[in-house]
Amino acid sequence: MCIRDRHWLGYRIRPVYLEFWAEKPFRLHDRLVFRREKPEGDWDRGKLYP
């Protein structure tokens, strides 16, 4: 049960793709990606090339 004011309105965001980028020297950045087929599914993790 969610308790909130009657005039409050919000949005629920359910992503299927997330990418995290960490800067490293000499353009060898670390890029992690998380994907899932459906908003209810499990996350798959991988790496992308710099």
PDB file of N, CA and C in Angstrom:
ATOM      1  N   MET A   1       0.839  -1.179   0.000  1.00  0.00           N
ATOM      2  CA  MET A   1       0.000   0.000   0.000  1.00  0.00           C
ATOM      3  C   MET A   1       0.883   1.241   0.000  1.00  0.00           C
ATOM      4  N   CYS A   2       0.589   2.166  -0.876  1.00  0.00           N
ATOM      5  CA  CYS A   2       1.372   3.394  -0.994  1.00  0.00           C
ATOM      6  C   CYS A   2       0.566   4.552  -0.414  1.00  0.00           C
ATOM      7  N   ILE A   3       1.177   5.251   0.514  1.00  0.00           N
ATOM      8  CA  ILE A   3       0.507   6.409   1.115  1.00  0.00           C
ATOM      9  C   ILE A   3       1.089   7.660   0.474  1.00  0.00           C
ATOM     10  N   ARG A   4       0.241   8.468  -0.158  1.00  0.00           N
ATOM     11  CA  ARG A   4       0.674   9.698  -0.810  1.00  0.00           C
ATOM     12  C   ARG A   4      -0.497  10.679  -0.848  1.00  0.00           C
ATOM     13  N   ASP A   5      -0.190  11.934  -1.140  1.00  0.00           N
ATOM     14  CA  ASP A   5      -1.235  12.943  -1.272  1.00  0.00           C
ATOM     15  C   ASP A   5      -2.061  12.675  -2.521  1.00  0.00           C
ATOM     16  N   ARG A   6      -3.327  13.064  -2.527  1.00  0.00           N
ATOM     17  CA  ARG A   6      -4.218  12.821  -3.660  1.00  0.00           C
ATOM     18  C   ARG A   6      -3.795  13.599  -4.905  1.00  0.00           C
ATOM     19  N   HIS A   7      -3.183  14.753  -4.740  1.00  0.00           N
ATOM     20  CA  HIS A   7      -2.802  15.571  -5.893  1.00  0.00           C
ATOM     21  C   HIS A   7      -1.449  15.159  -6.487  1.00  0.00           C
ATOM     22  N   TRP A   8      -0.746  14.243  -5.838  1.00  0.00           N
ATOM     23  CA  TRP A   8       0.579  13.833  -6.307  1.00  0.00           C
ATOM     24  C   TRP A   8       0.455  12.909  -7.501  1.00  0.00           C
ATOM     25  N   LEU A   9       1.313  13.137  -8.503  1.00  0.00           N
ATOM     26  CA  LEU A   9       1.349  12.302  -9.695  1.00  0.00           C
ATOM     27  C   LEU A   9       2.796  11.937  -9.974  1.00  0.00           C
ATOM     28  N   GLY A  10       3.040  10.719 -10.377  1.00  0.00           N
ATOM     29  CA  GLY A  10       4.405  10.288 -10.654  1.00  0.00           C
ATOM     30  C   GLY A  10       4.449   9.327 -11.827  1.00  0.00           C
ATOM     31  N   TYR A  11       5.656   9.000 -12.233  1.00  0.00           N
ATOM     32  CA  TYR A  11       5.890   8.074 -13.331  1.00  0.00           C
ATOM     33  C   TYR A  11       6.749   6.927 -12.837  1.00  0.00           C
ATOM     34  N   ARG A  12       6.478   5.758 -13.343  1.00  0.00           N
ATOM     35  CA  ARG A  12       7.301   4.593 -13.038  1.00  0.00           C
ATOM     36  C   ARG A  12       8.152   4.287 -14.262  1.00  0.00           C
ATOM     37  N   ILE A  13       9.456   4.279 -14.074  1.00  0.00           N
ATOM     38  CA  ILE A  13      10.388   4.013 -15.169  1.00  0.00           C
ATOM     39  C   ILE A  13      10.918   2.597 -14.995  1.00  0.00           C
ATOM     40  N   ARG A  14      10.765   1.787 -16.051  1.00  0.00           N
ATOM     41  CA  ARG A  14      11.234   0.407 -16.017  1.00  0.00           C
ATOM     42  C   ARG A  14      12.163   0.180 -17.203  1.00  0.00           C
ATOM     43  N   PRO A  15      13.443   0.506 -17.056  1.00  0.00           N
ATOM     44  CA  PRO A  15      14.376   0.417 -18.183  1.00  0.00           C
ATOM     45  C   PRO A  15      14.656  -1.026 -18.593  1.00  0.00           C
ATOM     46  N   VAL A  16      15.049  -1.184 -19.844  1.00  0.00           N
ATOM     47  CA  VAL A  16      15.476  -2.484 -20.361  1.00  0.00           C
ATOM     48  C   VAL A  16      16.943  -2.441 -20.790  1.00  0.00           C
ATOM     49  N   TYR A  17      17.566  -1.252 -20.740  1.00  0.00           N
ATOM     50  CA  TYR A  17      18.967  -1.094 -21.136  1.00  0.00           C
ATOM     51  C   TYR A  17      19.598  -0.001 -20.275  1.00  0.00           C
ATOM     52  N   LEU A  18      20.732  -0.326 -19.644  1.00  0.00           N
ATOM     53  CA  LEU A  18      21.494   0.650 -18.867  1.00  0.00           C
ATOM     54  C   LEU A  18      22.967   0.516 -19.244  1.00  0.00           C
ATOM     55  N   GLU A  19      23.648   1.652 -19.352  1.00  0.00           N
ATOM     56  CA  GLU A  19      25.084   1.632 -19.634  1.00  0.00           C
ATOM     57  C   GLU A  19      25.797   2.538 -18.641  1.00  0.00           C
ATOM     58  N   PHE A  20      26.869   2.010 -18.053  1.00  0.00           N
ATOM     59  CA  PHE A  20      27.701   2.767 -17.124  1.00  0.00           C
ATOM     60  C   PHE A  20      29.081   2.930 -17.758  1.00  0.00           C
ATOM     61  N   TRP A  21      29.606   4.139 -17.676  1.00  0.00           N
ATOM     62  CA  TRP A  21      30.860   4.486 -18.327  1.00  0.00           C
ATOM     63  C   TRP A  21      31.814   5.045 -17.280  1.00  0.00           C
ATOM     64  N   ALA A  22      33.032   4.493 -17.224  1.00  0.00           N
ATOM     65  CA  ALA A  22      34.057   4.984 -16.310  1.00  0.00           C
ATOM     66  C   ALA A  22      35.290   5.363 -17.129  1.00  0.00           C
ATOM     67  N   GLU A  23      35.706   6.608 -16.990  1.00  0.00           N
ATOM     68  CA  GLU A  23      36.844   7.105 -17.762  1.00  0.00           C
ATOM     69  C   GLU A  23      38.147   6.533 -17.236  1.00  0.00           C
ATOM     70  N   LYS A  24      39.006   6.106 -18.181  1.00  0.00           N
ATOM     71  CA  LYS A  24      40.334   5.600 -17.850  1.00  0.00           C
ATOM     72  C   LYS A  24      41.343   6.249 -18.792  1.00  0.00           C
ATOM     73  N   PRO A  25      42.610   6.215 -18.445  1.00  0.00           N
ATOM     74  CA  PRO A  25      43.619   6.861 -19.290  1.00  0.00           C
ATOM     75  C   PRO A  25      43.757   6.191 -20.660  1.00  0.00           C
ATOM     76  N   PHE A  26      44.230   6.953 -21.610  1.00  0.00           N
ATOM     77  CA  PHE A  26      44.537   6.494 -22.963  1.00  0.00           C
ATOM     78  C   PHE A  26      43.312   5.928 -23.690  1.00  0.00           C
ATOM     79  N   ARG A  27      42.164   6.490 -23.433  1.00  0.00           N
ATOM     80  CA  ARG A  27      40.897   6.120 -24.084  1.00  0.00           C
ATOM     81  C   ARG A  27      40.511   4.661 -23.892  1.00  0.00           C
ATOM     82  N   LEU A  28      41.001   4.041 -22.835  1.00  0.00           N
ATOM     83  CA  LEU A  28      40.629   2.661 -22.516  1.00  0.00           C
ATOM     84  C   LEU A  28      39.536   2.671 -21.438  1.00  0.00           C
ATOM     85  N   HIS A  29      38.432   3.286 -21.756  1.00  0.00           N
ATOM     86  CA  HIS A  29      37.342   3.457 -20.803  1.00  0.00           C
ATOM     87  C   HIS A  29      36.665   2.121 -20.510  1.00  0.00           C
ATOM     88  N   ASP A  30      36.083   2.037 -19.348  1.00  0.00           N
ATOM     89  CA  ASP A  30      35.362   0.837 -18.931  1.00  0.00           C
ATOM     90  C   ASP A  30      33.869   1.083 -19.141  1.00  0.00           C
ATOM     91  N   ARG A  31      33.243   0.281 -20.001  1.00  0.00           N
ATOM     92  CA  ARG A  31      31.816   0.446 -20.309  1.00  0.00           C
ATOM     93  C   ARG A  31      31.070  -0.838 -19.970  1.00  0.00           C
ATOM     94  N   LEU A  32      30.245  -0.779 -18.937  1.00  0.00           N
ATOM     95  CA  LEU A  32      29.412  -1.904 -18.546  1.00  0.00           C
ATOM     96  C   LEU A  32      28.003  -1.677 -19.064  1.00  0.00           C
ATOM     97  N   VAL A  33      27.381  -2.733 -19.575  1.00  0.00           N
ATOM     98  CA  VAL A  33      26.017  -2.627 -20.082  1.00  0.00           C
ATOM     99  C   VAL A  33      25.163  -3.709 -19.411  1.00  0.00           C
ATOM    100  N   PHE A  34      23.951  -3.321 -19.045  1.00  0.00           N
ATOM    101  CA  PHE A  34      22.969  -4.233 -18.473  1.00  0.00           C
ATOM    102  C   PHE A  34      21.748  -4.211 -19.373  1.00  0.00           C
ATOM    103  N   ARG A  35      21.292  -5.400 -19.812  1.00  0.00           N
ATOM    104  CA  ARG A  35      20.148  -5.507 -20.724  1.00  0.00           C
ATOM    105  C   ARG A  35      19.173  -6.552 -20.203  1.00  0.00           C
ATOM    106  N   ARG A  36      17.913  -6.373 -20.581  1.00  0.00           N
ATOM    107  CA  ARG A  36      16.909  -7.405 -20.354  1.00  0.00           C
ATOM    108  C   ARG A  36      15.871  -7.324 -21.456  1.00  0.00           C
ATOM    109  N   GLU A  37      15.279  -8.445 -21.780  1.00  0.00           N
ATOM    110  CA  GLU A  37      14.327  -8.516 -22.891  1.00  0.00           C
ATOM    111  C   GLU A  37      13.023  -7.787 -22.572  1.00  0.00           C
ATOM    112  N   LYS A  38      12.530  -7.977 -21.355  1.00  0.00           N
ATOM    113  CA  LYS A  38      11.260  -7.378 -20.935  1.00  0.00           C
ATOM    114  C   LYS A  38      11.477  -6.665 -19.607  1.00  0.00           C
ATOM    115  N   PRO A  39      10.642  -5.695 -19.283  1.00  0.00           N
ATOM    116  CA  PRO A  39      10.798  -5.002 -17.999  1.00  0.00           C
ATOM    117  C   PRO A  39      10.707  -5.927 -16.781  1.00  0.00           C
ATOM    118  N   GLU A  40      10.071  -7.088 -16.922  1.00  0.00           N
ATOM    119  CA  GLU A  40       9.945  -8.019 -15.799  1.00  0.00           C
ATOM    120  C   GLU A  40      11.080  -9.039 -15.762  1.00  0.00           C
ATOM    121  N   GLY A  41      11.922  -9.088 -16.800  1.00  0.00           N
ATOM    122  CA  GLY A  41      12.950 -10.118 -16.919  1.00  0.00           C
ATOM    123  C   GLY A  41      14.185  -9.881 -16.080  1.00  0.00           C
ATOM    124  N   ASP A  42      15.083 -10.852 -16.139  1.00  0.00           N
ATOM    125  CA  ASP A  42      16.352 -10.761 -15.418  1.00  0.00           C
ATOM    126  C   ASP A  42      17.365  -9.977 -16.248  1.00  0.00           C
ATOM    127  N   TRP A  43      18.326  -9.363 -15.565  1.00  0.00           N
ATOM    128  CA  TRP A  43      19.345  -8.556 -16.229  1.00  0.00           C
ATOM    129  C   TRP A  43      20.482  -9.429 -16.724  1.00  0.00           C
ATOM    130  N   ASP A  44      20.955  -9.151 -17.945  1.00  0.00           N
ATOM    131  CA  ASP A  44      22.181  -9.727 -18.483  1.00  0.00           C
ATOM    132  C   ASP A  44      23.242  -8.640 -18.452  1.00  0.00           C
ATOM    133  N   ARG A  45      24.461  -9.012 -18.068  1.00  0.00           N
ATOM    134  CA  ARG A  45      25.539  -8.030 -17.922  1.00  0.00           C
ATOM    135  C   ARG A  45      26.613  -8.304 -18.962  1.00  0.00           C
ATOM    136  N   GLY A  46      27.186  -7.237 -19.506  1.00  0.00           N
ATOM    137  CA  GLY A  46      28.257  -7.382 -20.468  1.00  0.00           C
ATOM    138  C   GLY A  46      29.138  -6.150 -20.497  1.00  0.00           C
ATOM    139  N   LYS A  47      30.152  -6.198 -21.360  1.00  0.00           N
ATOM    140  CA  LYS A  47      31.072  -5.066 -21.531  1.00  0.00           C
ATOM    141  C   LYS A  47      31.050  -4.639 -22.971  1.00  0.00           C
ATOM    142  N   LEU A  48      31.254  -3.350 -23.202  1.00  0.00           N
ATOM    143  CA  LEU A  48      31.350  -2.797 -24.534  1.00  0.00           C
ATOM    144  C   LEU A  48      32.778  -2.342 -24.777  1.00  0.00           C
ATOM    145  N   TYR A  49      33.152  -2.267 -26.035  1.00  0.00           N
ATOM    146  CA  TYR A  49      34.487  -1.794 -26.386  1.00  0.00           C
ATOM    147  C   TYR A  49      34.590  -0.291 -26.116  1.00  0.00           C
ATOM    148  N   PRO A  50      35.805   0.169 -25.790  1.00  0.00           N
ATOM    149  CA  PRO A  50      35.985   1.609 -25.523  1.00  0.00           C
ATOM    150  C   PRO A  50      35.632   2.489 -26.693  1.00  0.00           C
TER     151      PRO A  50
END
